[in-house]
Amino acid sequence: MSEDVYHGDILSKEQGEDEVTLVISIPENLYYFKGHFPSSPVLPGVALTHWVMEYLAEYFEVDPNQFVGLSALKFQIIICPNYEISLHLKKLNSSKYSFSYSSIHGQHASGKVLFK
């Protein structure tokens, strides 16, 4: 039995003062594909937003406990196993960050994260 995998593999990282871009490979055995949907797995939006929060904490040292909400949240194109996606995070000000997921398939998701 294989171990559950909760993150894609980070293939590359470009980091500037107020932004970071991660290229992430999405494995077939990603935990979030289980039951969503068995015959045609799709990465749920809640997993994408969870990753955003984790990477904001890691690269911008934001405190997830200060989370207020999401705005302008859009899910445009589904993400399937074996996709290679790019996550771009940008600090807009001390309490607002933007994110976008994209790949050769197009824009997958985007939004803004607000903190206290």
PDB file of N, CA and C in Angstrom:
ATOM      1  N   MET A   1       0.847  -1.171   0.000  1.00  0.00           N
ATOM      2  CA  MET A   1       0.000   0.000   0.000  1.00  0.00           C
ATOM      3  C   MET A   1       0.901   1.247   0.000  1.00  0.00           C
ATOM      4  N   SER A   2       0.577   2.199  -0.865  1.00  0.00           N
ATOM      5  CA  SER A   2       1.400   3.407  -0.931  1.00  0.00           C
ATOM      6  C   SER A   2       0.973   4.417   0.131  1.00  0.00           C
ATOM      7  N   GLU A   3       1.920   5.240   0.520  1.00  0.00           N
ATOM      8  CA  GLU A   3       1.674   6.275   1.511  1.00  0.00           C
ATOM      9  C   GLU A   3       0.915   7.437   0.880  1.00  0.00           C
ATOM     10  N   ASP A   4       0.053   8.073   1.652  1.00  0.00           N
ATOM     11  CA  ASP A   4      -0.677   9.236   1.150  1.00  0.00           C
ATOM     12  C   ASP A   4       0.283  10.389   0.884  1.00  0.00           C
ATOM     13  N   VAL A   5       0.081  11.067  -0.224  1.00  0.00           N
ATOM     14  CA  VAL A   5       0.882  12.226  -0.610  1.00  0.00           C
ATOM     15  C   VAL A   5      -0.052  13.437  -0.563  1.00  0.00           C
ATOM     16  N   TYR A   6       0.332  14.476   0.167  1.00  0.00           N
ATOM     17  CA  TYR A   6      -0.539  15.635   0.363  1.00  0.00           C
ATOM     18  C   TYR A   6      -0.110  16.872  -0.414  1.00  0.00           C
ATOM     19  N   HIS A   7       1.051  16.804  -1.063  1.00  0.00           N
ATOM     20  CA  HIS A   7       1.543  17.937  -1.843  1.00  0.00           C
ATOM     21  C   HIS A   7       2.153  17.441  -3.141  1.00  0.00           C
ATOM     22  N   GLY A   8       2.148  18.299  -4.125  1.00  0.00           N
ATOM     23  CA  GLY A   8       2.868  17.991  -5.340  1.00  0.00           C
ATOM     24  C   GLY A   8       4.349  18.235  -5.109  1.00  0.00           C
ATOM     25  N   ASP A   9       5.138  17.790  -6.056  1.00  0.00           N
ATOM     26  CA  ASP A   9       6.579  18.005  -5.985  1.00  0.00           C
ATOM     27  C   ASP A   9       6.915  19.383  -6.534  1.00  0.00           C
ATOM     28  N   ILE A  10       7.660  20.169  -5.778  1.00  0.00           N
ATOM     29  CA  ILE A  10       8.084  21.486  -6.258  1.00  0.00           C
ATOM     30  C   ILE A  10       9.279  21.268  -7.186  1.00  0.00           C
ATOM     31  N   LEU A  11       9.084  21.586  -8.458  1.00  0.00           N
ATOM     32  CA  LEU A  11      10.115  21.395  -9.465  1.00  0.00           C
ATOM     33  C   LEU A  11      11.059  22.582  -9.545  1.00  0.00           C
ATOM     34  N   SER A  12      10.512  23.784  -9.298  1.00  0.00           N
ATOM     35  CA  SER A  12      11.354  24.982  -9.304  1.00  0.00           C
ATOM     36  C   SER A  12      10.685  26.075  -8.494  1.00  0.00           C
ATOM     37  N   LYS A  13      11.522  27.049  -8.105  1.00  0.00           N
ATOM     38  CA  LYS A  13      11.038  28.182  -7.313  1.00  0.00           C
ATOM     39  C   LYS A  13      11.777  29.428  -7.784  1.00  0.00           C
ATOM     40  N   GLU A  14      11.006  30.484  -8.052  1.00  0.00           N
ATOM     41  CA  GLU A  14      11.579  31.804  -8.326  1.00  0.00           C
ATOM     42  C   GLU A  14      11.035  32.737  -7.262  1.00  0.00           C
ATOM     43  N   GLN A  15      11.931  33.378  -6.525  1.00  0.00           N
ATOM     44  CA  GLN A  15      11.477  34.226  -5.430  1.00  0.00           C
ATOM     45  C   GLN A  15      12.062  35.616  -5.557  1.00  0.00           C
ATOM     46  N   GLY A  16      11.173  36.606  -5.447  1.00  0.00           N
ATOM     47  CA  GLY A  16      11.576  37.999  -5.413  1.00  0.00           C
ATOM     48  C   GLY A  16      11.217  38.580  -4.063  1.00  0.00           C
ATOM     49  N   GLU A  17      11.338  39.885  -3.938  1.00  0.00           N
ATOM     50  CA  GLU A  17      11.068  40.536  -2.658  1.00  0.00           C
ATOM     51  C   GLU A  17       9.616  40.366  -2.209  1.00  0.00           C
ATOM     52  N   ASP A  18       8.668  40.568  -3.124  1.00  0.00           N
ATOM     53  CA  ASP A  18       7.249  40.506  -2.772  1.00  0.00           C
ATOM     54  C   ASP A  18       6.474  39.441  -3.532  1.00  0.00           C
ATOM     55  N   GLU A  19       7.173  38.481  -4.127  1.00  0.00           N
ATOM     56  CA  GLU A  19       6.469  37.441  -4.855  1.00  0.00           C
ATOM     57  C   GLU A  19       7.304  36.176  -4.972  1.00  0.00           C
ATOM     58  N   VAL A  20       6.597  35.086  -5.205  1.00  0.00           N
ATOM     59  CA  VAL A  20       7.249  33.800  -5.416  1.00  0.00           C
ATOM     60  C   VAL A  20       6.418  33.012  -6.426  1.00  0.00           C
ATOM     61  N   THR A  21       7.102  32.274  -7.284  1.00  0.00           N
ATOM     62  CA  THR A  21       6.432  31.397  -8.238  1.00  0.00           C
ATOM     63  C   THR A  21       6.998  29.993  -8.055  1.00  0.00           C
ATOM     64  N   LEU A  22       6.095  29.039  -7.845  1.00  0.00           N
ATOM     65  CA  LEU A  22       6.466  27.637  -7.673  1.00  0.00           C
ATOM     66  C   LEU A  22       5.918  26.843  -8.850  1.00  0.00           C
ATOM     67  N   VAL A  23       6.729  25.982  -9.422  1.00  0.00           N
ATOM     68  CA  VAL A  23       6.254  25.040 -10.429  1.00  0.00           C
ATOM     69  C   VAL A  23       6.100  23.711  -9.707  1.00  0.00           C
ATOM     70  N   ILE A  24       4.881  23.167  -9.763  1.00  0.00           N
ATOM     71  CA  ILE A  24       4.520  22.002  -8.961  1.00  0.00           C
ATOM     72  C   ILE A  24       4.017  20.881  -9.871  1.00  0.00           C
ATOM     73  N   SER A  25       4.560  19.690  -9.692  1.00  0.00           N
ATOM     74  CA  SER A  25       4.097  18.505 -10.411  1.00  0.00           C
ATOM     75  C   SER A  25       3.042  17.813  -9.546  1.00  0.00           C
ATOM     76  N   ILE A  26       1.891  17.536 -10.138  1.00  0.00           N
ATOM     77  CA  ILE A  26       0.777  16.943  -9.394  1.00  0.00           C
ATOM     78  C   ILE A  26       0.778  15.425  -9.605  1.00  0.00           C
ATOM     79  N   PRO A  27       1.108  14.640  -8.559  1.00  0.00           N
ATOM     80  CA  PRO A  27       1.204  13.181  -8.718  1.00  0.00           C
ATOM     81  C   PRO A  27      -0.167  12.498  -8.775  1.00  0.00           C
ATOM     82  N   GLU A  28      -0.188  11.346  -9.395  1.00  0.00           N
ATOM     83  CA  GLU A  28      -1.430  10.566  -9.488  1.00  0.00           C
ATOM     84  C   GLU A  28      -1.918  10.103  -8.127  1.00  0.00           C
ATOM     85  N   ASN A  29      -0.981   9.855  -7.200  1.00  0.00           N
ATOM     86  CA  ASN A  29      -1.360   9.314  -5.891  1.00  0.00           C
ATOM     87  C   ASN A  29      -1.618  10.399  -4.844  1.00  0.00           C
ATOM     88  N   LEU A  30      -1.922  11.611  -5.292  1.00  0.00           N
ATOM     89  CA  LEU A  30      -2.232  12.696  -4.369  1.00  0.00           C
ATOM     90  C   LEU A  30      -3.481  12.342  -3.554  1.00  0.00           C
ATOM     91  N   TYR A  31      -3.400  12.491  -2.254  1.00  0.00           N
ATOM     92  CA  TYR A  31      -4.500  12.147  -1.345  1.00  0.00           C
ATOM     93  C   TYR A  31      -5.828  12.768  -1.770  1.00  0.00           C
ATOM     94  N   TYR A  32      -5.786  14.022  -2.226  1.00  0.00           N
ATOM     95  CA  TYR A  32      -7.016  14.760  -2.521  1.00  0.00           C
ATOM     96  C   TYR A  32      -7.773  14.230  -3.736  1.00  0.00           C
ATOM     97  N   PHE A  33      -7.175  13.342  -4.510  1.00  0.00           N
ATOM     98  CA  PHE A  33      -7.877  12.735  -5.639  1.00  0.00           C
ATOM     99  C   PHE A  33      -8.791  11.595  -5.197  1.00  0.00           C
ATOM    100  N   LYS A  34      -8.555  11.058  -3.994  1.00  0.00           N
ATOM    101  CA  LYS A  34      -9.360   9.936  -3.507  1.00  0.00           C
ATOM    102  C   LYS A  34     -10.831  10.355  -3.390  1.00  0.00           C
ATOM    103  N   GLY A  35     -11.676   9.679  -4.154  1.00  0.00           N
ATOM    104  CA  GLY A  35     -13.108   9.938  -4.074  1.00  0.00           C
ATOM    105  C   GLY A  35     -13.550  11.227  -4.729  1.00  0.00           C
ATOM    106  N   HIS A  36     -12.678  11.885  -5.460  1.00  0.00           N
ATOM    107  CA  HIS A  36     -13.031  13.191  -6.047  1.00  0.00           C
ATOM    108  C   HIS A  36     -12.558  13.268  -7.493  1.00  0.00           C
ATOM    109  N   PHE A  37     -12.917  12.602  -8.341  1.00  0.00           N
ATOM    110  CA  PHE A  37     -13.950  11.590  -8.521  1.00  0.00           C
ATOM    111  C   PHE A  37     -13.272  10.318  -9.029  1.00  0.00           C
ATOM    112  N   PRO A  38     -13.684   9.134  -8.578  1.00  0.00           N
ATOM    113  CA  PRO A  38     -12.959   7.893  -8.871  1.00  0.00           C
ATOM    114  C   PRO A  38     -12.661   7.651 -10.351  1.00  0.00           C
ATOM    115  N   SER A  39     -13.608   7.876 -11.217  1.00  0.00           N
ATOM    116  CA  SER A  39     -13.395   7.589 -12.639  1.00  0.00           C
ATOM    117  C   SER A  39     -12.684   8.718 -13.372  1.00  0.00           C
ATOM    118  N   SER A  40     -12.663   9.900 -12.771  1.00  0.00           N
ATOM    119  CA  SER A  40     -12.028  11.056 -13.411  1.00  0.00           C
ATOM    120  C   SER A  40     -11.549  12.019 -12.324  1.00  0.00           C
ATOM    121  N   PRO A  41     -10.370  11.750 -11.708  1.00  0.00           N
ATOM    122  CA  PRO A  41      -9.910  12.537 -10.561  1.00  0.00           C
ATOM    123  C   PRO A  41      -9.697  14.021 -10.870  1.00  0.00           C
ATOM    124  N   VAL A  42     -10.137  14.850  -9.936  1.00  0.00           N
ATOM    125  CA  VAL A  42     -10.035  16.307 -10.031  1.00  0.00           C
ATOM    126  C   VAL A  42      -9.496  16.828  -8.701  1.00  0.00           C
ATOM    127  N   LEU A  43      -8.557  17.758  -8.764  1.00  0.00           N
ATOM    128  CA  LEU A  43      -8.021  18.354  -7.536  1.00  0.00           C
ATOM    129  C   LEU A  43      -9.029  19.377  -7.000  1.00  0.00           C
ATOM    130  N   PRO A  44      -9.557  19.175  -5.797  1.00  0.00           N
ATOM    131  CA  PRO A  44     -10.564  20.081  -5.245  1.00  0.00           C
ATOM    132  C   PRO A  44      -9.995  21.473  -4.925  1.00  0.00           C
ATOM    133  N   GLY A  45     -10.830  22.472  -5.082  1.00  0.00           N
ATOM    134  CA  GLY A  45     -10.445  23.850  -4.804  1.00  0.00           C
ATOM    135  C   GLY A  45     -10.004  24.062  -3.368  1.00  0.00           C
ATOM    136  N   VAL A  46     -10.583  23.322  -2.434  1.00  0.00           N
ATOM    137  CA  VAL A  46     -10.205  23.482  -1.032  1.00  0.00           C
ATOM    138  C   VAL A  46      -8.743  23.091  -0.831  1.00  0.00           C
ATOM    139  N   ALA A  47      -8.248  22.100  -1.585  1.00  0.00           N
ATOM    140  CA  ALA A  47      -6.833  21.723  -1.494  1.00  0.00           C
ATOM    141  C   ALA A  47      -5.953  22.847  -2.039  1.00  0.00           C
ATOM    142  N   LEU A  48      -6.385  23.453  -3.142  1.00  0.00           N
ATOM    143  CA  LEU A  48      -5.617  24.557  -3.728  1.00  0.00           C
ATOM    144  C   LEU A  48      -5.505  25.733  -2.764  1.00  0.00           C
ATOM    145  N   THR A  49      -6.606  26.081  -2.103  1.00  0.00           N
ATOM    146  CA  THR A  49      -6.565  27.211  -1.162  1.00  0.00           C
ATOM    147  C   THR A  49      -5.752  26.849   0.082  1.00  0.00           C
ATOM    148  N   HIS A  50      -5.819  25.594   0.500  1.00  0.00           N
ATOM    149  CA  HIS A  50      -5.012  25.143   1.639  1.00  0.00           C
ATOM    150  C   HIS A  50      -3.526  25.287   1.311  1.00  0.00           C
ATOM    151  N   TRP A  51      -3.125  24.880   0.106  1.00  0.00           N
ATOM    152  CA  TRP A  51      -1.724  25.024  -0.301  1.00  0.00           C
ATOM    153  C   TRP A  51      -1.309  26.486  -0.311  1.00  0.00           C
ATOM    154  N   VAL A  52      -2.187  27.360  -0.787  1.00  0.00           N
ATOM    155  CA  VAL A  52      -1.874  28.794  -0.792  1.00  0.00           C
ATOM    156  C   VAL A  52      -1.553  29.257   0.618  1.00  0.00           C
ATOM    157  N   MET A  53      -2.373  28.868   1.574  1.00  0.00           N
ATOM    158  CA  MET A  53      -2.141  29.279   2.963  1.00  0.00           C
ATOM    159  C   MET A  53      -0.806  28.732   3.476  1.00  0.00           C
ATOM    160  N   GLU A  54      -0.510  27.487   3.170  1.00  0.00           N
ATOM    161  CA  GLU A  54       0.757  26.900   3.621  1.00  0.00           C
ATOM    162  C   GLU A  54       1.959  27.625   3.007  1.00  0.00           C
ATOM    163  N   TYR A  55       1.891  27.894   1.706  1.00  0.00           N
ATOM    164  CA  TYR A  55       3.019  28.545   1.044  1.00  0.00           C
ATOM    165  C   TYR A  55       3.138  30.022   1.430  1.00  0.00           C
ATOM    166  N   LEU A  56       2.022  30.682   1.725  1.00  0.00           N
ATOM    167  CA  LEU A  56       2.119  32.058   2.226  1.00  0.00           C
ATOM    168  C   LEU A  56       2.828  32.068   3.579  1.00  0.00           C
ATOM    169  N   ALA A  57       2.496  31.106   4.433  1.00  0.00           N
ATOM    170  CA  ALA A  57       3.158  31.024   5.739  1.00  0.00           C
ATOM    171  C   ALA A  57       4.649  30.735   5.567  1.00  0.00           C
ATOM    172  N   GLU A  58       4.989  29.871   4.620  1.00  0.00           N
ATOM    173  CA  GLU A  58       6.385  29.488   4.419  1.00  0.00           C
ATOM    174  C   GLU A  58       7.223  30.601   3.792  1.00  0.00           C
ATOM    175  N   TYR A  59       6.703  31.228   2.752  1.00  0.00           N
ATOM    176  CA  TYR A  59       7.513  32.192   1.996  1.00  0.00           C
ATOM    177  C   TYR A  59       7.330  33.651   2.409  1.00  0.00           C
ATOM    178  N   PHE A  60       6.199  33.959   3.070  1.00  0.00           N
ATOM    179  CA  PHE A  60       5.962  35.345   3.488  1.00  0.00           C
ATOM    180  C   PHE A  60       5.797  35.480   4.997  1.00  0.00           C
ATOM    181  N   GLU A  61       5.915  34.357   5.693  1.00  0.00           N
ATOM    182  CA  GLU A  61       5.814  34.334   7.150  1.00  0.00           C
ATOM    183  C   GLU A  61       4.524  34.948   7.682  1.00  0.00           C
ATOM    184  N   VAL A  62       3.425  34.748   6.947  1.00  0.00           N
ATOM    185  CA  VAL A  62       2.134  35.204   7.459  1.00  0.00           C
ATOM    186  C   VAL A  62       1.637  34.197   8.490  1.00  0.00           C
ATOM    187  N   ASP A  63       0.824  34.666   9.407  1.00  0.00           N
ATOM    188  CA  ASP A  63       0.263  33.808  10.440  1.00  0.00           C
ATOM    189  C   ASP A  63      -1.128  33.357   9.984  1.00  0.00           C
ATOM    190  N   PRO A  64      -1.301  32.071   9.672  1.00  0.00           N
ATOM    191  CA  PRO A  64      -2.607  31.584   9.228  1.00  0.00           C
ATOM    192  C   PRO A  64      -3.731  31.866  10.225  1.00  0.00           C
ATOM    193  N   ASN A  65      -3.386  32.030  11.505  1.00  0.00           N
ATOM    194  CA  ASN A  65      -4.401  32.346  12.511  1.00  0.00           C
ATOM    195  C   ASN A  65      -4.960  33.754  12.343  1.00  0.00           C
ATOM    196  N   GLN A  66      -4.292  34.576  11.537  1.00  0.00           N
ATOM    197  CA  GLN A  66      -4.758  35.944  11.278  1.00  0.00           C
ATOM    198  C   GLN A  66      -5.613  36.024   9.997  1.00  0.00           C
ATOM    199  N   PHE A  67      -5.937  34.869   9.429  1.00  0.00           N
ATOM    200  CA  PHE A  67      -6.744  34.793   8.210  1.00  0.00           C
ATOM    201  C   PHE A  67      -8.113  35.431   8.421  1.00  0.00           C
ATOM    202  N   VAL A  68      -8.522  36.284   7.476  1.00  0.00           N
ATOM    203  CA  VAL A  68      -9.827  36.941   7.534  1.00  0.00           C
ATOM    204  C   VAL A  68     -10.756  36.375   6.464  1.00  0.00           C
ATOM    205  N   GLY A  69     -10.242  36.181   5.253  1.00  0.00           N
ATOM    206  CA  GLY A  69     -11.102  35.655   4.208  1.00  0.00           C
ATOM    207  C   GLY A  69     -10.430  35.646   2.850  1.00  0.00           C
ATOM    208  N   LEU A  70     -11.200  35.175   1.879  1.00  0.00           N
ATOM    209  CA  LEU A  70     -10.767  35.146   0.485  1.00  0.00           C
ATOM    210  C   LEU A  70     -11.656  36.093  -0.309  1.00  0.00           C
ATOM    211  N   SER A  71     -11.095  36.722  -1.324  1.00  0.00           N
ATOM    212  CA  SER A  71     -11.905  37.555  -2.211  1.00  0.00           C
ATOM    213  C   SER A  71     -11.512  37.283  -3.653  1.00  0.00           C
ATOM    214  N   ALA A  72     -12.390  37.621  -4.559  1.00  0.00           N
ATOM    215  CA  ALA A  72     -12.170  37.451  -5.998  1.00  0.00           C
ATOM    216  C   ALA A  72     -11.748  36.024  -6.333  1.00  0.00           C
ATOM    217  N   LEU A  73     -12.272  35.050  -5.592  1.00  0.00           N
ATOM    218  CA  LEU A  73     -11.899  33.647  -5.763  1.00  0.00           C
ATOM    219  C   LEU A  73     -12.557  33.085  -7.024  1.00  0.00           C
ATOM    220  N   LYS A  74     -11.730  32.515  -7.907  1.00  0.00           N
ATOM    221  CA  LYS A  74     -12.233  31.942  -9.148  1.00  0.00           C
ATOM    222  C   LYS A  74     -11.542  30.611  -9.398  1.00  0.00           C
ATOM    223  N   PHE A  75     -12.326  29.621  -9.782  1.00  0.00           N
ATOM    224  CA  PHE A  75     -11.810  28.330 -10.221  1.00  0.00           C
ATOM    225  C   PHE A  75     -12.235  28.175 -11.668  1.00  0.00           C
ATOM    226  N   GLN A  76     -11.271  28.228 -12.590  1.00  0.00           N
ATOM    227  CA  GLN A  76     -11.604  28.258 -13.999  1.00  0.00           C
ATOM    228  C   GLN A  76     -11.471  26.912 -14.706  1.00  0.00           C
ATOM    229  N   ILE A  77     -10.343  26.232 -14.540  1.00  0.00           N
ATOM    230  CA  ILE A  77     -10.076  24.972 -15.242  1.00  0.00           C
ATOM    231  C   ILE A  77      -9.628  23.945 -14.212  1.00  0.00           C
ATOM    232  N   ILE A  78     -10.198  22.742 -14.273  1.00  0.00           N
ATOM    233  CA  ILE A  78      -9.852  21.702 -13.303  1.00  0.00           C
ATOM    234  C   ILE A  78      -8.386  21.274 -13.448  1.00  0.00           C
ATOM    235  N   ILE A  79      -7.836  20.770 -12.356  1.00  0.00           N
ATOM    236  CA  ILE A  79      -6.469  20.246 -12.334  1.00  0.00           C
ATOM    237  C   ILE A  79      -6.565  18.732 -12.143  1.00  0.00           C
ATOM    238  N   CYS A  80      -5.928  18.007 -13.031  1.00  0.00           N
ATOM    239  CA  CYS A  80      -5.956  16.543 -13.032  1.00  0.00           C
ATOM    240  C   CYS A  80      -4.585  15.983 -12.672  1.00  0.00           C
ATOM    241  N   PRO A  81      -4.519  14.667 -12.406  1.00  0.00           N
ATOM    242  CA  PRO A  81      -3.228  14.038 -12.122  1.00  0.00           C
ATOM    243  C   PRO A  81      -2.227  14.261 -13.263  1.00  0.00           C
ATOM    244  N   ASN A  82      -0.973  14.363 -12.872  1.00  0.00           N
ATOM    245  CA  ASN A  82       0.160  14.519 -13.789  1.00  0.00           C
ATOM    246  C   ASN A  82       0.257  15.896 -14.447  1.00  0.00           C
ATOM    247  N   TYR A  83      -0.559  16.848 -14.014  1.00  0.00           N
ATOM    248  CA  TYR A  83      -0.412  18.219 -14.511  1.00  0.00           C
ATOM    249  C   TYR A  83       0.828  18.837 -13.867  1.00  0.00           C
ATOM    250  N   GLU A  84       1.442  19.745 -14.561  1.00  0.00           N
ATOM    251  CA  GLU A  84       2.525  20.565 -14.022  1.00  0.00           C
ATOM    252  C   GLU A  84       1.969  21.981 -13.959  1.00  0.00           C
ATOM    253  N   ILE A  85       1.793  22.475 -12.744  1.00  0.00           N
ATOM    254  CA  ILE A  85       1.145  23.778 -12.565  1.00  0.00           C
ATOM    255  C   ILE A  85       2.120  24.792 -11.979  1.00  0.00           C
ATOM    256  N   SER A  86       1.802  26.028 -12.200  1.00  0.00           N
ATOM    257  CA  SER A  86       2.595  27.125 -11.669  1.00  0.00           C
ATOM    258  C   SER A  86       1.728  27.887 -10.666  1.00  0.00           C
ATOM    259  N   LEU A  87       2.236  28.090  -9.467  1.00  0.00           N
ATOM    260  CA  LEU A  87       1.541  28.880  -8.443  1.00  0.00           C
ATOM    261  C   LEU A  87       2.319  30.166  -8.246  1.00  0.00           C
ATOM    262  N   HIS A  88       1.635  31.281  -8.496  1.00  0.00           N
ATOM    263  CA  HIS A  88       2.260  32.586  -8.305  1.00  0.00           C
ATOM    264  C   HIS A  88       1.607  33.263  -7.102  1.00  0.00           C
ATOM    265  N   LEU A  89       2.422  33.615  -6.110  1.00  0.00           N
ATOM    266  CA  LEU A  89       1.961  34.328  -4.910  1.00  0.00           C
ATOM    267  C   LEU A  89       2.592  35.705  -4.903  1.00  0.00           C
ATOM    268  N   LYS A  90       1.786  36.716  -4.577  1.00  0.00           N
ATOM    269  CA  LYS A  90       2.310  38.083  -4.563  1.00  0.00           C
ATOM    270  C   LYS A  90       1.754  38.852  -3.373  1.00  0.00           C
ATOM    271  N   LYS A  91       2.643  39.553  -2.684  1.00  0.00           N
ATOM    272  CA  LYS A  91       2.239  40.412  -1.571  1.00  0.00           C
ATOM    273  C   LYS A  91       1.749  41.733  -2.150  1.00  0.00           C
ATOM    274  N   LEU A  92       0.488  42.062  -1.890  1.00  0.00           N
ATOM    275  CA  LEU A  92      -0.082  43.317  -2.371  1.00  0.00           C
ATOM    276  C   LEU A  92       0.097  44.435  -1.343  1.00  0.00           C
ATOM    277  N   ASN A  93      -0.049  44.073  -0.074  1.00  0.00           N
ATOM    278  CA  ASN A  93       0.257  44.967   1.048  1.00  0.00           C
ATOM    279  C   ASN A  93       0.423  44.081   2.282  1.00  0.00           C
ATOM    280  N   SER A  94       0.553  44.668   3.454  1.00  0.00           N
ATOM    281  CA  SER A  94       0.864  43.876   4.645  1.00  0.00           C
ATOM    282  C   SER A  94      -0.243  42.900   5.048  1.00  0.00           C
ATOM    283  N   SER A  95      -1.448  43.074   4.516  1.00  0.00           N
ATOM    284  CA  SER A  95      -2.540  42.180   4.898  1.00  0.00           C
ATOM    285  C   SER A  95      -3.266  41.555   3.702  1.00  0.00           C
ATOM    286  N   LYS A  96      -2.735  41.729   2.497  1.00  0.00           N
ATOM    287  CA  LYS A  96      -3.411  41.191   1.314  1.00  0.00           C
ATOM    288  C   LYS A  96      -2.393  40.585   0.349  1.00  0.00           C
ATOM    289  N   TYR A  97      -2.713  39.368  -0.096  1.00  0.00           N
ATOM    290  CA  TYR A  97      -1.856  38.621  -1.021  1.00  0.00           C
ATOM    291  C   TYR A  97      -2.721  38.093  -2.164  1.00  0.00           C
ATOM    292  N   SER A  98      -2.142  38.021  -3.343  1.00  0.00           N
ATOM    293  CA  SER A  98      -2.857  37.414  -4.464  1.00  0.00           C
ATOM    294  C   SER A  98      -2.212  36.080  -4.807  1.00  0.00           C
ATOM    295  N   PHE A  99      -3.004  35.219  -5.439  1.00  0.00           N
ATOM    296  CA  PHE A  99      -2.461  33.948  -5.918  1.00  0.00           C
ATOM    297  C   PHE A  99      -3.100  33.598  -7.250  1.00  0.00           C
ATOM    298  N   SER A 100      -2.354  32.836  -8.046  1.00  0.00           N
ATOM    299  CA  SER A 100      -2.919  32.294  -9.277  1.00  0.00           C
ATOM    300  C   SER A 100      -2.216  30.991  -9.615  1.00  0.00           C
ATOM    301  N   TYR A 101      -3.016  30.038 -10.070  1.00  0.00           N
ATOM    302  CA  TYR A 101      -2.527  28.753 -10.544  1.00  0.00           C
ATOM    303  C   TYR A 101      -2.734  28.719 -12.052  1.00  0.00           C
ATOM    304  N   SER A 102      -1.695  28.336 -12.789  1.00  0.00           N
ATOM    305  CA  SER A 102      -1.827  28.230 -14.244  1.00  0.00           C
ATOM    306  C   SER A 102      -0.950  27.086 -14.752  1.00  0.00           C
ATOM    307  N   SER A 103      -1.167  26.705 -16.003  1.00  0.00           N
ATOM    308  CA  SER A 103      -0.377  25.657 -16.653  1.00  0.00           C
ATOM    309  C   SER A 103      -0.549  25.807 -18.163  1.00  0.00           C
ATOM    310  N   ILE A 104      -0.043  24.847 -18.900  1.00  0.00           N
ATOM    311  CA  ILE A 104      -0.239  24.879 -20.348  1.00  0.00           C
ATOM    312  C   ILE A 104      -1.717  24.731 -20.709  1.00  0.00           C
ATOM    313  N   HIS A 105      -2.529  24.295 -19.747  1.00  0.00           N
ATOM    314  CA  HIS A 105      -3.965  24.130 -19.958  1.00  0.00           C
ATOM    315  C   HIS A 105      -4.730  25.442 -19.759  1.00  0.00           C
ATOM    316  N   GLY A 106      -4.081  26.464 -19.205  1.00  0.00           N
ATOM    317  CA  GLY A 106      -4.716  27.761 -18.967  1.00  0.00           C
ATOM    318  C   GLY A 106      -4.686  28.165 -17.501  1.00  0.00           C
ATOM    319  N   GLN A 107      -5.511  29.137 -17.167  1.00  0.00           N
ATOM    320  CA  GLN A 107      -5.633  29.650 -15.797  1.00  0.00           C
ATOM    321  C   GLN A 107      -6.557  28.723 -15.019  1.00  0.00           C
ATOM    322  N   HIS A 108      -6.050  28.138 -13.927  1.00  0.00           N
ATOM    323  CA  HIS A 108      -6.836  27.182 -13.146  1.00  0.00           C
ATOM    324  C   HIS A 108      -7.614  27.846 -12.012  1.00  0.00           C
ATOM    325  N   ALA A 109      -6.975  28.723 -11.293  1.00  0.00           N
ATOM    326  CA  ALA A 109      -7.607  29.357 -10.139  1.00  0.00           C
ATOM    327  C   ALA A 109      -6.870  30.634  -9.789  1.00  0.00           C
ATOM    328  N   SER A 110      -7.591  31.551  -9.128  1.00  0.00           N
ATOM    329  CA  SER A 110      -6.963  32.786  -8.675  1.00  0.00           C
ATOM    330  C   SER A 110      -7.809  33.391  -7.563  1.00  0.00           C
ATOM    331  N   GLY A 111      -7.211  34.331  -6.861  1.00  0.00           N
ATOM    332  CA  GLY A 111      -7.929  35.008  -5.802  1.00  0.00           C
ATOM    333  C   GLY A 111      -6.996  35.839  -4.945  1.00  0.00           C
ATOM    334  N   LYS A 112      -7.584  36.393  -3.898  1.00  0.00           N
ATOM    335  CA  LYS A 112      -6.818  37.197  -2.943  1.00  0.00           C
ATOM    336  C   LYS A 112      -7.092  36.639  -1.547  1.00  0.00           C
ATOM    337  N   VAL A 113      -6.052  36.689  -0.705  1.00  0.00           N
ATOM    338  CA  VAL A 113      -6.156  36.216   0.669  1.00  0.00           C
ATOM    339  C   VAL A 113      -5.974  37.408   1.586  1.00  0.00           C
ATOM    340  N   LEU A 114      -6.888  37.571   2.523  1.00  0.00           N
ATOM    341  CA  LEU A 114      -6.882  38.718   3.435  1.00  0.00           C
ATOM    342  C   LEU A 114      -6.557  38.269   4.851  1.00  0.00           C
ATOM    343  N   PHE A 115      -5.731  39.061   5.520  1.00  0.00           N
ATOM    344  CA  PHE A 115      -5.337  38.783   6.904  1.00  0.00           C
ATOM    345  C   PHE A 115      -5.631  40.017   7.772  1.00  0.00           C
ATOM    346  N   LYS A 116      -5.675  39.829   9.099  1.00  0.00           N
ATOM    347  CA  LYS A 116      -5.873  40.934  10.036  1.00  0.00           C
ATOM    348  C   LYS A 116      -4.682  41.854   9.984  1.00  0.00           C
TER     349      LYS A 116
END
